[in-house]
Amino acid sequence: MASLCRKPKLLSSLQGILKIVNITSHTQKHERNLEKIRAFLVDPTSRILHGETIWNLGIIDNIDFKETTFGYGNIFDAIRGNSHATLRMLFQYQLPELPEILEAQEIIYDQQQLFGQNSFSQKTFHTFNLVFEKLLAFSENFTYQSDFDESDIRNQIMTYFKVGCNFSPPNVIILDAGDPPSSDSAVHKCLKMYENEISIGNNDYINVVADEAIFRRGISFCKTNNKIKMILGQWHTSKDMMSTLITIFSGYGIFNMAGILGVRFLDKLEKGVDFRATSKVLELIWVAVGLAIHLYAKKKEQSLDDILEENKLIKIWYLYFQWASYWRAHWFGIRWGIFDLQHESLKAFSPLFPIAGKSNYARSVTHHIYCIENNSRLRAMLRVAPSVNLTNPGHFFAYDEALETFGVKFVKQNVTRIPTDSEELKLKIKATQLEKERTDMLICDYIGDYVQSSKPHNIQSRKEKIWELVHQLINAFESENPLKNPIFEFCNNLNNKGIDQAHDGLSTS
């Protein structure tokens, strides 16, 4: 029996044995029929809380299921079947004294420049530079500390900011699924469903978070319906910010630096296949470039402005350090639950999207920033809850990230026998919370619920690789012909014309 439990493909045989010995009372077919009946009867709206101080936030995204096996026939001619739907979730925050919170937040609001660098982002960048200098701890005879890595820099930066979102996690509800979000009409129908499920007052509305593709399709719906207002998902935005940095600096040696850090599959880095891996590589390059620039400036006993005038190679990589700092600040704002750090950094970074040819994101980010800047209530609410905490204290997720990481995973783990019929698939998605609760009752009663949503990870230190790259960068900065240095081989744009074009475009953004 123990061996049989370890073989997932033989679970049907195990169920047959349990029926024969009268442990279970009915067949697998009968259980499927009962599950379908429960799915028809379930009402997700019964989980919705109601109250004056509850903030409702919808999140929608595409969810896809692939069949576990190929159809009968030549597998080289057949493709594995898949099904798509729109996963719709609702986060409900129980906030204390909502009107007073809104009034207090509006008093401290300070209008910043709408697009491009502003006083807040410049102050943040100055803070990052102070942290680099503090950890290097320069002393006489050009001696400095090197016993730190990117995690120490991150922790030191964190001391300059106050972590937000000091309240309980929200009430999470999986609502009725919608049709695949491949057309405007399908997205509009999914948004309309929120209006029908939640009691929205005459002067009230609900905010819905979505990735860029769904956000763009939902803009036209919001123009004709004032009950729904869209928010651009910041996890997907951070992902595209990374793609923007890679696109702009791909011709200036960013892949060579990634190779020095130990990256083997540069094509995967270019496409951003793995979010965490891409984020880690760009962060390590940001740290190494920042350290190399500060060390070079200290060695020359010059200010950053002076070395930028005399060294064109430093000029281009100082721009990377600056723009990557805005990207990191945006990510820190998500992870630490700080709206101003997140929002103002996005405003500072936004001019890079059109430069990198990201026209869709350029339009969507522009619309997103405009809507937040012209909605004082939404600004105040996002200051209270800019991110969501579902795992451990002090560690937050963007709303669309939470849906991708936990919502999609939760549904896929609890949907049995993936159907090809779209209506049956939507029915199973609607009933996932009910089915999970039924199995949890058995698990908790007999073996205890030991499921954890977050576990500590053993992260390999890249300290040696970081400092190897730092020293190679300093050698390149100090060489007589830095553009011919081996670290910058095969860089098509790393010439006088390419550097001048990049500097003119990026420094004026």
Protein backbone atom coordinates (compact mmCIF):
# COMPACT_ATOMS: atom_id res chain seq x y z
CA MET A 1 0.00 0.00 0.00
CA ALA A 2 2.85 2.36 0.85
CA SER A 3 4.49 1.67 -2.52
CA LEU A 4 1.17 2.20 -4.30
CA CYS A 5 0.76 5.64 -2.67
CA ARG A 6 4.09 6.73 -4.16
CA LYS A 7 2.92 6.07 -7.73
CA PRO A 8 0.52 8.86 -8.85
CA LYS A 9 -0.48 7.04 -12.04
CA LEU A 10 -1.81 4.11 -9.96
CA LEU A 11 -4.00 6.16 -7.60
CA SER A 12 -7.11 4.89 -9.41
CA SER A 13 -6.06 1.34 -8.52
CA LEU A 14 -5.60 2.40 -4.90
CA GLN A 15 -9.12 3.81 -4.88
CA GLY A 16 -10.43 0.50 -6.22
CA ILE A 17 -8.74 -1.37 -3.38
CA LEU A 18 -10.16 1.04 -0.79
CA LYS A 19 -13.65 0.44 -2.19
CA ILE A 20 -13.31 -3.35 -2.09
CA VAL A 21 -12.27 -3.30 1.60
CA ASN A 22 -15.16 -0.89 2.34
CA ILE A 23 -13.00 2.10 3.32
CA THR A 24 -14.66 4.26 0.65
CA SER A 25 -18.33 3.81 -0.17
CA HIS A 26 -18.54 4.65 -3.86
CA THR A 27 -16.63 4.55 -7.15
CA GLN A 28 -14.46 7.21 -8.73
CA LYS A 29 -17.16 7.93 -11.32
CA HIS A 30 -19.72 8.58 -8.58
CA GLU A 31 -17.26 10.91 -6.80
CA ARG A 32 -16.80 12.90 -10.02
CA ASN A 33 -20.56 13.32 -10.25
CA LEU A 34 -20.74 14.49 -6.62
CA GLU A 35 -17.91 16.95 -7.26
CA LYS A 36 -19.77 18.37 -10.24
CA ILE A 37 -22.94 18.77 -8.16
CA ARG A 38 -20.99 20.60 -5.43
CA ALA A 39 -19.46 22.88 -8.08
CA PHE A 40 -22.92 23.78 -9.40
CA LEU A 41 -24.16 24.62 -5.91
CA VAL A 42 -21.15 26.64 -4.70
CA ASP A 43 -21.55 30.42 -4.47
CA PRO A 44 -18.21 32.30 -4.14
CA THR A 45 -20.02 35.57 -3.40
CA SER A 46 -21.10 34.13 -0.04
CA ARG A 47 -17.49 34.60 1.12
CA ILE A 48 -17.55 38.35 0.40
CA LEU A 49 -17.40 40.57 3.48
CA HIS A 50 -19.39 43.78 3.68
CA GLY A 51 -18.61 46.91 5.66
CA GLU A 52 -17.82 50.61 5.37
CA THR A 53 -14.11 50.16 6.14
CA ILE A 54 -13.50 47.27 3.71
CA TRP A 55 -11.44 48.02 0.61
CA ASN A 56 -12.24 45.66 -2.26
CA LEU A 57 -9.50 45.02 -4.82
CA GLY A 58 -9.98 42.73 -7.80
CA ILE A 59 -7.13 40.90 -9.56
CA ILE A 60 -7.49 39.12 -12.90
CA ASP A 61 -5.08 37.19 -15.09
CA ASN A 62 -4.95 34.42 -17.65
CA ILE A 63 -4.66 30.84 -16.38
CA ASP A 64 -3.80 27.96 -18.70
CA PHE A 65 -3.94 24.20 -18.24
CA LYS A 66 -2.07 21.66 -20.34
CA GLU A 67 -3.07 18.05 -20.77
CA THR A 68 -0.74 15.61 -19.02
CA THR A 69 -0.40 13.38 -22.11
CA PHE A 70 -0.51 13.73 -25.88
CA GLY A 71 -3.44 12.47 -27.92
CA TYR A 72 -3.28 9.09 -29.65
CA GLY A 73 -1.19 9.13 -32.81
CA ASN A 74 2.19 10.34 -33.97
CA ILE A 75 3.54 12.54 -31.15
CA PHE A 76 5.70 14.42 -33.66
CA ASP A 77 2.58 15.59 -35.50
CA ALA A 78 0.37 16.21 -32.46
CA ILE A 79 0.46 19.01 -29.93
CA ARG A 80 -0.56 18.74 -26.32
CA GLY A 81 -4.04 20.11 -25.72
CA ASN A 82 -4.53 23.10 -23.45
CA SER A 83 -7.35 25.14 -21.95
CA HIS A 84 -7.47 28.81 -21.00
CA ALA A 85 -9.65 30.92 -18.73
CA THR A 86 -9.53 34.21 -16.85
CA LEU A 87 -8.84 33.73 -13.15
CA ARG A 88 -10.67 36.35 -11.11
CA MET A 89 -9.87 36.97 -7.46
CA LEU A 90 -10.96 39.47 -4.83
CA PHE A 91 -8.78 40.81 -2.00
CA GLN A 92 -10.71 42.42 0.85
CA TYR A 93 -8.77 44.61 3.30
CA GLN A 94 -10.30 45.36 6.68
CA LEU A 95 -8.96 48.89 7.31
CA PRO A 96 -9.40 50.88 10.54
CA GLU A 97 -11.26 54.20 10.27
CA LEU A 98 -11.09 54.64 6.52
CA PRO A 99 -12.17 58.34 6.30
CA GLU A 100 -9.53 59.51 8.79
CA ILE A 101 -6.83 57.57 6.94
CA LEU A 102 -7.74 59.22 3.65
CA GLU A 103 -7.69 62.71 5.14
CA ALA A 104 -4.35 62.22 6.89
CA GLN A 105 -2.70 60.79 3.79
CA GLU A 106 -3.85 63.69 1.61
CA ILE A 107 -2.26 66.22 3.97
CA ILE A 108 1.20 64.71 3.54
CA TYR A 109 0.90 64.25 -0.24
CA ASP A 110 3.52 66.18 -2.18
CA GLN A 111 3.04 66.63 -5.92
CA GLN A 112 6.03 65.42 -7.94
CA GLN A 113 6.88 65.74 -11.61
CA LEU A 114 4.55 63.45 -13.55
CA PHE A 115 7.14 61.70 -15.75
CA GLY A 116 10.91 61.41 -15.51
CA GLN A 117 13.23 62.12 -12.61
CA ASN A 118 11.80 64.02 -9.66
CA SER A 119 12.98 65.19 -6.26
CA PHE A 120 11.89 61.94 -4.58
CA SER A 121 13.72 59.69 -7.06
CA GLN A 122 16.83 61.88 -6.92
CA LYS A 123 16.81 61.67 -3.12
CA THR A 124 16.45 57.89 -3.35
CA PHE A 125 19.38 57.67 -5.77
CA HIS A 126 21.45 59.84 -3.42
CA THR A 127 20.59 57.44 -0.58
CA PHE A 128 21.81 54.48 -2.63
CA ASN A 129 25.12 56.26 -3.27
CA LEU A 130 25.51 56.96 0.45
CA VAL A 131 24.99 53.27 1.21
CA PHE A 132 27.69 52.23 -1.28
CA GLU A 133 30.16 54.70 0.25
CA LYS A 134 29.25 53.68 3.79
CA LEU A 135 29.84 49.97 3.16
CA LEU A 136 33.11 50.62 1.32
CA ALA A 137 34.29 52.58 4.40
CA PHE A 138 37.23 54.33 2.70
CA SER A 139 40.27 55.14 4.82
CA GLU A 140 43.77 56.48 4.18
CA ASN A 141 46.00 54.98 1.47
CA PHE A 142 42.92 53.95 -0.53
CA THR A 143 41.95 51.01 1.68
CA TYR A 144 38.33 49.92 1.78
CA GLN A 145 36.06 47.14 3.00
CA SER A 146 35.05 44.36 0.61
CA ASP A 147 33.44 41.85 2.97
CA PHE A 148 29.87 42.43 1.79
CA ASP A 149 27.59 41.53 -1.10
CA GLU A 150 24.25 42.52 -2.62
CA SER A 151 22.23 41.33 0.40
CA ASP A 152 24.22 43.60 2.73
CA ILE A 153 23.58 46.55 0.41
CA ARG A 154 19.87 45.71 0.31
CA ASN A 155 19.65 45.44 4.10
CA GLN A 156 21.51 48.73 4.58
CA ILE A 157 19.20 50.52 2.14
CA MET A 158 16.21 49.16 4.06
CA THR A 159 17.27 51.07 7.19
CA TYR A 160 16.51 54.35 5.40
CA PHE A 161 12.85 53.45 4.79
CA LYS A 162 9.87 52.48 6.91
CA VAL A 163 8.17 49.21 5.98
CA GLY A 164 4.43 49.67 5.35
CA CYS A 165 1.28 47.53 5.33
CA ASN A 166 0.99 47.10 9.09
CA PHE A 167 -2.26 45.13 9.20
CA SER A 168 -3.62 41.62 8.72
CA PRO A 169 -3.62 39.83 5.35
CA PRO A 170 -6.76 40.34 3.24
CA ASN A 171 -9.71 38.04 2.82
CA VAL A 172 -9.00 36.22 -0.46
CA ILE A 173 -11.84 34.93 -2.64
CA ILE A 174 -11.70 33.04 -5.94
CA LEU A 175 -14.69 34.23 -7.95
CA ASP A 176 -16.35 32.83 -11.08
CA ALA A 177 -13.82 32.39 -13.88
CA GLY A 178 -14.24 34.19 -17.19
CA ASP A 179 -13.51 33.43 -20.82
CA PRO A 180 -9.88 33.62 -22.02
CA PRO A 181 -8.75 37.30 -22.07
CA SER A 182 -7.88 37.21 -25.77
CA SER A 183 -10.37 39.88 -26.84
CA ASP A 184 -11.71 43.19 -25.60
CA SER A 185 -15.22 41.80 -25.16
CA ALA A 186 -13.98 38.91 -22.97
CA VAL A 187 -12.04 41.29 -20.71
CA HIS A 188 -14.99 43.69 -20.51
CA LYS A 189 -17.28 40.83 -19.51
CA CYS A 190 -14.89 39.79 -16.73
CA LEU A 191 -14.77 43.35 -15.40
CA LYS A 192 -18.56 43.63 -15.56
CA MET A 193 -18.84 40.52 -13.38
CA TYR A 194 -17.19 42.38 -10.48
CA GLU A 195 -19.89 45.03 -10.65
CA ASN A 196 -22.59 42.36 -10.42
CA GLU A 197 -20.94 40.46 -7.55
CA ILE A 198 -20.07 43.35 -5.23
CA SER A 199 -22.54 45.85 -3.86
CA ILE A 200 -21.10 49.09 -5.26
CA GLY A 201 -22.70 52.34 -4.13
CA ASN A 202 -23.76 55.16 -6.43
CA ASN A 203 -20.53 57.13 -5.90
CA ASP A 204 -18.28 54.13 -5.33
CA TYR A 205 -16.19 51.85 -7.56
CA ILE A 206 -13.84 48.88 -7.40
CA ASN A 207 -10.19 48.83 -8.47
CA VAL A 208 -9.02 45.89 -10.57
CA VAL A 209 -5.33 44.95 -10.99
CA ALA A 210 -4.17 43.28 -14.22
CA ASP A 211 -1.09 42.74 -16.36
CA GLU A 212 -0.36 45.11 -19.25
CA ALA A 213 -2.27 43.18 -21.93
CA ILE A 214 -5.50 42.98 -19.91
CA PHE A 215 -4.99 46.50 -18.53
CA ARG A 216 -4.80 47.87 -22.08
CA ARG A 217 -7.99 46.05 -23.10
CA GLY A 218 -9.79 47.29 -19.99
CA ILE A 219 -9.08 51.01 -20.54
CA SER A 220 -11.90 51.39 -23.07
CA PHE A 221 -14.34 49.71 -20.66
CA CYS A 222 -13.42 52.07 -17.82
CA LYS A 223 -14.07 55.10 -20.04
CA THR A 224 -17.73 54.11 -20.34
CA ASN A 225 -18.19 52.57 -16.87
CA ASN A 226 -17.23 54.56 -13.78
CA LYS A 227 -17.77 51.58 -11.45
CA ILE A 228 -14.49 49.92 -12.50
CA LYS A 229 -11.02 51.49 -12.39
CA MET A 230 -7.92 49.63 -13.58
CA ILE A 231 -4.50 49.42 -11.88
CA LEU A 232 -1.43 48.22 -13.77
CA GLY A 233 0.15 45.17 -12.09
CA GLN A 234 3.55 46.19 -10.74
CA TRP A 235 5.14 42.72 -10.84
CA HIS A 236 4.65 42.52 -14.59
CA THR A 237 5.81 46.14 -14.82
CA SER A 238 9.03 45.31 -12.95
CA LYS A 239 9.54 42.41 -15.33
CA ASP A 240 9.29 44.74 -18.31
CA MET A 241 11.59 47.27 -16.63
CA MET A 242 14.24 44.54 -16.59
CA SER A 243 13.60 43.79 -20.25
CA THR A 244 13.98 47.51 -21.00
CA LEU A 245 17.38 47.67 -19.27
CA ILE A 246 18.60 44.58 -21.14
CA THR A 247 17.38 45.94 -24.49
CA ILE A 248 19.07 49.33 -24.05
CA PHE A 249 22.39 48.10 -22.66
CA SER A 250 22.68 44.86 -24.68
CA GLY A 251 25.07 46.53 -27.11
CA TYR A 252 27.32 47.93 -24.39
CA GLY A 253 28.58 44.77 -22.66
CA ILE A 254 25.84 43.70 -20.27
CA PHE A 255 25.96 40.09 -21.52
CA ASN A 256 29.76 39.97 -21.09
CA MET A 257 29.32 41.06 -17.47
CA ALA A 258 26.64 38.41 -16.98
CA GLY A 259 29.08 35.81 -18.31
CA ILE A 260 31.71 36.88 -15.77
CA LEU A 261 29.12 36.46 -13.02
CA GLY A 262 28.59 32.86 -14.13
CA VAL A 263 25.50 33.09 -16.35
CA ARG A 264 25.55 30.26 -18.89
CA PHE A 265 22.35 30.69 -20.89
CA LEU A 266 22.52 34.27 -22.13
CA ASP A 267 19.62 33.72 -24.54
CA LYS A 268 17.37 32.95 -21.56
CA LEU A 269 18.61 36.12 -19.84
CA GLU A 270 17.84 38.19 -22.93
CA LYS A 271 14.29 36.86 -23.07
CA GLY A 272 13.76 37.14 -19.31
CA VAL A 273 12.53 33.54 -19.11
CA ASP A 274 13.08 33.25 -15.35
CA PHE A 275 12.00 36.36 -13.43
CA ARG A 276 14.03 35.66 -10.28
CA ALA A 277 17.20 34.68 -12.15
CA THR A 278 17.02 37.72 -14.44
CA SER A 279 16.38 40.01 -11.47
CA LYS A 280 19.34 38.56 -9.57
CA VAL A 281 21.74 38.95 -12.52
CA LEU A 282 20.76 42.58 -13.15
CA GLU A 283 21.03 43.32 -9.44
CA LEU A 284 24.54 41.83 -9.28
CA ILE A 285 25.60 43.90 -12.31
CA TRP A 286 24.08 46.99 -10.66
CA VAL A 287 26.07 46.33 -7.48
CA ALA A 288 29.34 45.65 -9.34
CA VAL A 289 29.01 48.74 -11.55
CA GLY A 290 28.14 50.94 -8.57
CA LEU A 291 31.12 49.69 -6.56
CA ALA A 292 33.51 50.08 -9.51
CA ILE A 293 32.39 53.68 -10.17
CA HIS A 294 32.73 54.70 -6.52
CA LEU A 295 36.14 53.04 -6.22
CA TYR A 296 37.39 54.68 -9.42
CA ALA A 297 36.17 58.12 -8.32
CA LYS A 298 37.80 57.73 -4.90
CA LYS A 299 41.07 56.56 -6.44
CA LYS A 300 41.13 59.55 -8.80
CA GLU A 301 40.02 61.85 -5.93
CA GLN A 302 37.39 63.31 -8.20
CA SER A 303 33.65 63.79 -8.03
CA LEU A 304 31.29 61.71 -10.14
CA ASP A 305 30.59 64.72 -12.37
CA ASP A 306 34.31 65.11 -13.13
CA ILE A 307 34.95 61.49 -14.08
CA LEU A 308 31.86 61.45 -16.29
CA GLU A 309 33.33 64.25 -18.38
CA GLU A 310 36.70 62.59 -18.95
CA ASN A 311 35.75 58.90 -19.32
CA LYS A 312 33.12 57.89 -21.89
CA LEU A 313 33.02 54.28 -20.73
CA ILE A 314 32.11 55.33 -17.20
CA LYS A 315 29.56 57.73 -18.68
CA ILE A 316 27.52 54.90 -20.23
CA TRP A 317 27.71 52.60 -17.21
CA TYR A 318 26.92 55.38 -14.79
CA LEU A 319 23.66 55.73 -16.71
CA TYR A 320 23.02 52.02 -16.17
CA PHE A 321 23.71 52.41 -12.46
CA GLN A 322 21.30 55.35 -12.28
CA TRP A 323 18.41 53.77 -14.20
CA ALA A 324 18.88 50.37 -12.57
CA SER A 325 18.70 52.18 -9.22
CA TYR A 326 15.20 53.37 -10.13
CA TRP A 327 14.28 49.81 -11.08
CA ARG A 328 15.64 48.47 -7.77
CA ALA A 329 13.87 51.22 -5.83
CA HIS A 330 10.60 50.27 -7.54
CA TRP A 331 11.15 46.63 -6.54
CA PHE A 332 12.06 47.58 -2.97
CA GLY A 333 8.82 49.57 -2.84
CA ILE A 334 6.92 46.39 -3.73
CA ARG A 335 8.78 44.12 -1.33
CA TRP A 336 8.67 46.54 1.61
CA GLY A 337 5.15 47.84 1.04
CA ILE A 338 6.14 51.49 0.40
CA PHE A 339 3.90 53.18 -2.16
CA ASP A 340 5.90 56.40 -2.67
CA LEU A 341 9.13 54.48 -3.27
CA GLN A 342 7.35 52.23 -5.76
CA HIS A 343 5.32 54.89 -7.57
CA GLU A 344 7.89 57.71 -7.79
CA SER A 345 10.56 55.28 -9.02
CA LEU A 346 8.22 54.10 -11.78
CA LYS A 347 7.61 57.72 -12.78
CA ALA A 348 11.38 58.29 -12.94
CA PHE A 349 11.94 55.14 -15.01
CA SER A 350 8.96 55.62 -17.37
CA PRO A 351 10.81 57.59 -20.13
CA LEU A 352 12.93 54.50 -20.88
CA PHE A 353 9.99 52.43 -22.17
CA PRO A 354 9.62 54.29 -25.51
CA ILE A 355 13.43 54.45 -25.91
CA ALA A 356 13.54 50.63 -25.73
CA GLY A 357 10.65 50.31 -28.19
CA LYS A 358 8.15 49.20 -25.53
CA SER A 359 5.28 51.18 -27.03
CA ASN A 360 2.46 49.22 -25.37
CA TYR A 361 4.03 49.54 -21.94
CA ALA A 362 4.82 53.20 -22.57
CA ARG A 363 1.13 53.91 -23.19
CA SER A 364 -0.12 51.71 -20.35
CA VAL A 365 2.34 53.09 -17.78
CA THR A 366 1.45 56.63 -18.85
CA HIS A 367 -2.25 55.93 -18.37
CA HIS A 368 -1.60 54.17 -15.03
CA ILE A 369 0.43 57.07 -13.63
CA TYR A 370 -2.09 59.62 -14.88
CA CYS A 371 -5.00 57.78 -13.23
CA ILE A 372 -3.23 57.51 -9.87
CA GLU A 373 -2.09 61.14 -9.90
CA ASN A 374 -5.65 62.31 -10.58
CA ASN A 375 -7.34 60.07 -7.99
CA SER A 376 -6.57 61.22 -4.45
CA ARG A 377 -8.62 58.42 -2.92
CA LEU A 378 -6.74 55.71 -4.81
CA ARG A 379 -3.40 57.30 -3.89
CA ALA A 380 -4.37 57.26 -0.23
CA MET A 381 -5.53 53.63 -0.37
CA LEU A 382 -2.36 52.51 -2.13
CA ARG A 383 -0.29 54.26 0.51
CA VAL A 384 -2.09 52.13 3.06
CA ALA A 385 -1.88 48.86 1.08
CA PRO A 386 0.48 49.12 -1.93
CA SER A 387 1.38 45.42 -1.71
CA VAL A 388 -0.07 42.28 -0.17
CA ASN A 389 1.37 40.14 2.63
CA LEU A 390 0.38 36.47 2.36
CA THR A 391 3.37 34.60 3.79
CA ASN A 392 5.57 36.14 6.49
CA PRO A 393 5.79 39.58 8.17
CA GLY A 394 7.73 42.25 6.31
CA HIS A 395 7.75 40.39 2.98
CA PHE A 396 5.22 41.65 0.46
CA PHE A 397 4.10 40.76 -3.04
CA ALA A 398 2.69 42.89 -5.82
CA TYR A 399 -0.97 42.06 -6.36
CA ASP A 400 -0.48 40.49 -9.77
CA GLU A 401 2.54 38.60 -8.40
CA ALA A 402 0.41 37.19 -5.57
CA LEU A 403 -2.15 35.95 -8.09
CA GLU A 404 0.56 34.37 -10.27
CA THR A 405 2.51 32.87 -7.36
CA PHE A 406 -0.30 31.69 -5.11
CA GLY A 407 -3.64 31.99 -6.94
CA VAL A 408 -2.69 30.20 -10.16
CA LYS A 409 -0.68 27.60 -8.23
CA PHE A 410 -3.55 27.03 -5.78
CA VAL A 411 -6.07 26.47 -8.57
CA LYS A 412 -3.83 24.14 -10.57
CA GLN A 413 -3.08 22.04 -7.48
CA ASN A 414 -6.75 21.63 -6.61
CA VAL A 415 -8.35 21.17 -10.03
CA THR A 416 -8.65 17.45 -10.73
CA ARG A 417 -8.87 15.95 -14.21
CA ILE A 418 -8.36 19.05 -16.33
CA PRO A 419 -11.36 19.37 -18.67
CA THR A 420 -11.14 20.53 -22.28
CA ASP A 421 -14.63 22.06 -22.16
CA SER A 422 -14.37 25.74 -21.20
CA GLU A 423 -17.60 25.81 -19.17
CA GLU A 424 -16.60 22.76 -17.13
CA LEU A 425 -13.16 24.30 -16.56
CA LYS A 426 -14.71 27.53 -15.24
CA LEU A 427 -16.96 25.46 -12.98
CA LYS A 428 -13.98 23.64 -11.47
CA ILE A 429 -12.09 26.90 -10.90
CA LYS A 430 -15.08 28.37 -9.07
CA ALA A 431 -15.22 25.38 -6.70
CA THR A 432 -11.48 25.13 -5.88
CA GLN A 433 -11.73 26.84 -2.49
CA LEU A 434 -14.60 24.57 -1.41
CA GLU A 435 -12.78 21.40 -2.51
CA LYS A 436 -9.59 22.48 -0.75
CA GLU A 437 -11.47 23.13 2.49
CA ARG A 438 -13.05 19.65 2.35
CA THR A 439 -9.68 17.92 2.08
CA ASP A 440 -8.12 20.23 4.68
CA MET A 441 -10.71 19.09 7.23
CA LEU A 442 -9.49 15.50 6.87
CA ILE A 443 -5.80 16.40 6.82
CA CYS A 444 -6.01 18.68 9.87
CA ASP A 445 -8.02 16.17 11.91
CA TYR A 446 -5.71 13.22 11.34
CA ILE A 447 -2.20 14.31 10.44
CA GLY A 448 -2.14 18.06 11.13
CA ASP A 449 -1.76 20.82 8.58
CA TYR A 450 1.96 21.24 7.99
CA VAL A 451 1.65 23.04 4.66
CA GLN A 452 3.81 26.16 4.51
CA SER A 453 3.52 28.79 1.81
CA SER A 454 7.02 30.10 2.36
CA LYS A 455 10.24 28.33 3.28
CA PRO A 456 13.73 29.74 3.77
CA HIS A 457 15.90 29.26 0.70
CA ASN A 458 19.61 28.55 0.67
CA ILE A 459 20.93 31.31 -1.59
CA GLN A 460 24.44 30.86 -2.94
CA SER A 461 26.63 33.87 -2.26
CA ARG A 462 28.04 35.59 -5.34
CA LYS A 463 30.45 37.78 -3.40
CA GLU A 464 33.58 36.49 -5.15
CA LYS A 465 32.02 36.89 -8.60
CA ILE A 466 30.85 40.42 -7.78
CA TRP A 467 34.30 41.55 -6.75
CA GLU A 468 35.90 39.79 -9.72
CA LEU A 469 33.67 41.85 -11.99
CA VAL A 470 34.39 45.01 -9.96
CA HIS A 471 38.15 44.66 -10.43
CA GLN A 472 37.80 43.94 -14.15
CA LEU A 473 35.62 47.04 -14.55
CA ILE A 474 38.16 49.22 -12.71
CA ASN A 475 40.94 47.87 -14.96
CA ALA A 476 38.82 48.73 -18.00
CA PHE A 477 38.11 52.24 -16.67
CA GLU A 478 41.84 52.84 -16.09
CA SER A 479 43.10 51.41 -19.39
CA GLU A 480 44.35 53.76 -22.11
CA ASN A 481 41.74 52.51 -24.57
CA PRO A 482 38.85 51.29 -22.38
CA LEU A 483 36.58 50.61 -25.37
CA LYS A 484 39.02 47.89 -26.55
CA ASN A 485 39.18 46.13 -23.17
CA PRO A 486 38.47 42.34 -23.32
CA ILE A 487 35.49 42.72 -20.98
CA PHE A 488 33.77 44.76 -23.70
CA GLU A 489 34.48 42.54 -26.71
CA PHE A 490 31.82 42.20 -29.42
CA CYS A 491 29.89 45.26 -28.21
CA ASN A 492 28.51 46.87 -31.36
CA ASN A 493 27.36 50.09 -29.72
CA LEU A 494 30.43 50.65 -27.57
CA ASN A 495 32.03 53.33 -29.72
CA ASN A 496 32.09 57.11 -29.62
CA LYS A 497 28.94 57.47 -31.72
CA GLY A 498 27.01 54.83 -29.77
CA ILE A 499 28.01 56.27 -26.40
CA ASP A 500 27.09 59.81 -27.41
CA GLN A 501 23.69 58.67 -28.70
CA ALA A 502 22.97 56.72 -25.52
CA HIS A 503 24.10 59.57 -23.29
CA ASP A 504 22.02 62.14 -25.15
CA GLY A 505 18.93 59.93 -25.07
CA LEU A 506 19.18 58.60 -21.51
CA SER A 507 20.53 61.65 -19.69
CA THR A 508 17.74 63.91 -20.99
CA SER A 509 14.92 61.45 -20.21
